Protein backbone atom coordinates (compact mmCIF):
# COMPACT_ATOMS: atom_id res chain seq x y z
CA MET A 1 0.00 0.00 0.00
CA THR A 2 1.43 3.39 -0.96
CA GLU A 3 1.54 6.14 1.61
CA LYS A 4 -0.89 8.98 1.03
CA PRO A 5 0.58 12.50 0.82
CA PRO A 6 0.10 14.44 4.04
CA ILE A 7 -2.52 17.14 4.46
CA THR A 8 -1.51 20.03 6.70
CA ARG A 9 -4.23 22.03 8.43
CA LEU A 10 -3.58 25.30 10.29
CA HIS A 11 -5.89 27.29 12.54
CA ASN A 12 -8.50 24.58 13.05
CA VAL A 13 -11.47 26.36 14.64
CA GLY A 14 -13.70 23.30 14.89
CA LYS A 15 -15.94 23.91 11.90
CA LEU A 16 -13.07 24.65 9.49
CA SER A 17 -9.35 25.10 9.09
CA ARG A 18 -8.22 28.57 7.98
CA VAL A 19 -5.37 27.07 5.91
CA VAL A 20 -5.07 23.67 4.26
CA SER A 21 -1.99 22.55 2.35
CA TYR A 22 -1.93 19.50 0.10
CA GLN A 23 0.66 18.49 -2.49
CA GLY A 24 2.05 21.97 -2.95
CA THR A 25 -1.28 23.81 -3.07
CA ILE A 26 -2.40 26.15 -0.28
CA TYR A 27 -6.11 26.76 0.30
CA LEU A 28 -7.34 29.61 2.52
CA SER A 29 -10.89 29.46 3.78
CA GLY A 30 -13.16 32.40 3.05
CA LEU A 31 -11.79 35.42 4.92
CA THR A 32 -13.83 38.30 6.27
CA ALA A 33 -12.68 41.50 7.95
CA ALA A 34 -12.01 41.61 11.68
CA ASP A 35 -13.66 45.06 11.87
CA LYS A 36 -16.91 44.66 10.00
CA SER A 37 -18.14 48.17 10.85
CA THR A 38 -16.12 49.66 7.96
CA ASP A 39 -16.85 50.08 4.25
CA THR A 40 -16.12 47.50 1.56
CA ALA A 41 -12.73 48.95 0.58
CA ASP A 42 -11.48 48.88 4.18
CA GLN A 43 -12.86 45.39 4.77
CA ALA A 44 -11.03 44.30 1.61
CA ARG A 45 -7.75 45.83 2.84
CA GLN A 46 -8.14 43.98 6.16
CA ILE A 47 -8.75 40.70 4.34
CA PHE A 48 -5.76 41.17 2.04
CA ALA A 49 -3.49 41.91 5.02
CA ARG A 50 -4.75 38.76 6.78
CA ALA A 51 -4.21 36.74 3.60
CA ASP A 52 -0.59 37.93 3.52
CA GLU A 53 -0.14 36.67 7.09
CA LEU A 54 -1.73 33.28 6.42
CA LEU A 55 0.09 32.76 3.14
CA ALA A 56 3.42 33.56 4.83
CA GLU A 57 2.63 31.12 7.61
CA ALA A 58 2.00 28.47 4.95
CA GLY A 59 5.34 29.27 3.31
CA THR A 60 4.11 31.21 0.30
CA ASP A 61 2.96 34.71 -0.70
CA ARG A 62 0.63 36.62 -3.00
CA SER A 63 3.03 36.20 -5.94
CA ARG A 64 2.11 32.50 -5.89
CA LEU A 65 -1.68 32.98 -5.99
CA LEU A 66 -3.45 30.71 -8.46
CA PHE A 67 -7.10 31.69 -7.96
CA THR A 68 -9.11 34.13 -5.90
CA GLN A 69 -12.88 34.09 -5.41
CA ILE A 70 -14.46 37.32 -4.15
CA TRP A 71 -18.02 37.66 -2.89
CA LEU A 72 -19.52 41.13 -2.44
CA ARG A 73 -22.70 41.96 -0.55
CA ASP A 74 -23.36 44.70 -3.10
CA ILE A 75 -21.88 44.38 -6.59
CA GLY A 76 -22.11 48.17 -6.73
CA ASP A 77 -19.01 48.13 -4.47
CA PHE A 78 -16.99 46.41 -7.21
CA ASP A 79 -14.93 49.50 -8.08
CA ALA A 80 -14.06 50.21 -4.43
CA MET A 81 -13.07 46.58 -3.87
CA ASN A 82 -11.12 46.49 -7.13
CA ALA A 83 -9.14 49.64 -6.19
CA ALA A 84 -8.13 47.95 -2.90
CA TRP A 85 -7.27 44.77 -4.84
CA MET A 86 -5.10 46.62 -7.36
CA ALA A 87 -3.24 48.45 -4.58
CA TRP A 88 -2.62 45.14 -2.81
CA ILE A 89 -1.68 43.02 -5.82
CA GLY A 90 0.76 45.71 -6.98
CA ASP A 91 3.32 44.57 -9.55
CA VAL A 92 2.66 40.87 -8.91
CA ASP A 93 1.21 38.87 -11.78
CA PRO A 94 -2.44 38.49 -10.73
CA PRO A 95 -4.17 35.13 -10.30
CA ALA A 96 -7.31 33.99 -12.06
CA ARG A 97 -10.18 35.69 -10.24
CA ALA A 98 -13.96 35.72 -10.03
CA THR A 99 -16.17 38.26 -8.28
CA VAL A 100 -19.88 37.77 -7.61
CA GLU A 101 -22.62 39.32 -5.50
CA ALA A 102 -23.78 37.22 -2.55
CA LYS A 103 -25.99 37.32 0.51
CA PHE A 104 -24.05 36.72 3.75
CA ALA A 105 -25.13 35.14 7.03
CA LEU A 106 -24.11 38.30 8.91
CA PRO A 107 -25.40 41.61 7.53
CA GLU A 108 -22.25 43.54 8.48
CA ILE A 109 -20.08 41.41 6.19
CA ARG A 110 -19.56 43.38 2.97
CA ILE A 111 -16.92 41.11 1.37
CA GLU A 112 -15.52 37.61 1.71
CA VAL A 113 -12.47 36.35 -0.17
CA GLN A 114 -11.09 32.86 -0.69
CA PHE A 115 -7.54 32.24 -1.98
CA THR A 116 -5.71 29.30 -3.56
CA ALA A 117 -1.92 29.49 -3.95
CA ALA A 118 1.03 27.36 -4.95
CA ALA A 119 3.48 26.59 -2.16
């Protein structure tokens, strides 16, 4: 019987792990802002800063992003979110990305972002 490749899980909070690594691919769970009282652009900046921390902990960074899924409470906030995204992504080659409007469980959430990166 061949040994299965290991799965690494970080920040297990019971219902999910914030980071999962498998065979050189890093998956971040959907991230929301810590301070949800702010506008969409600020919530996005908070999420991108947290993603940097989690990616670093997993041994990678935003330059290794493969795919990003963004959910917005109001698609009318797309330009504000996108300005924060462009400031964050900087000169890095951007990943594939999708952005959609969604209804969230908590009304104060304006944006949620999920990331997939290469190790």
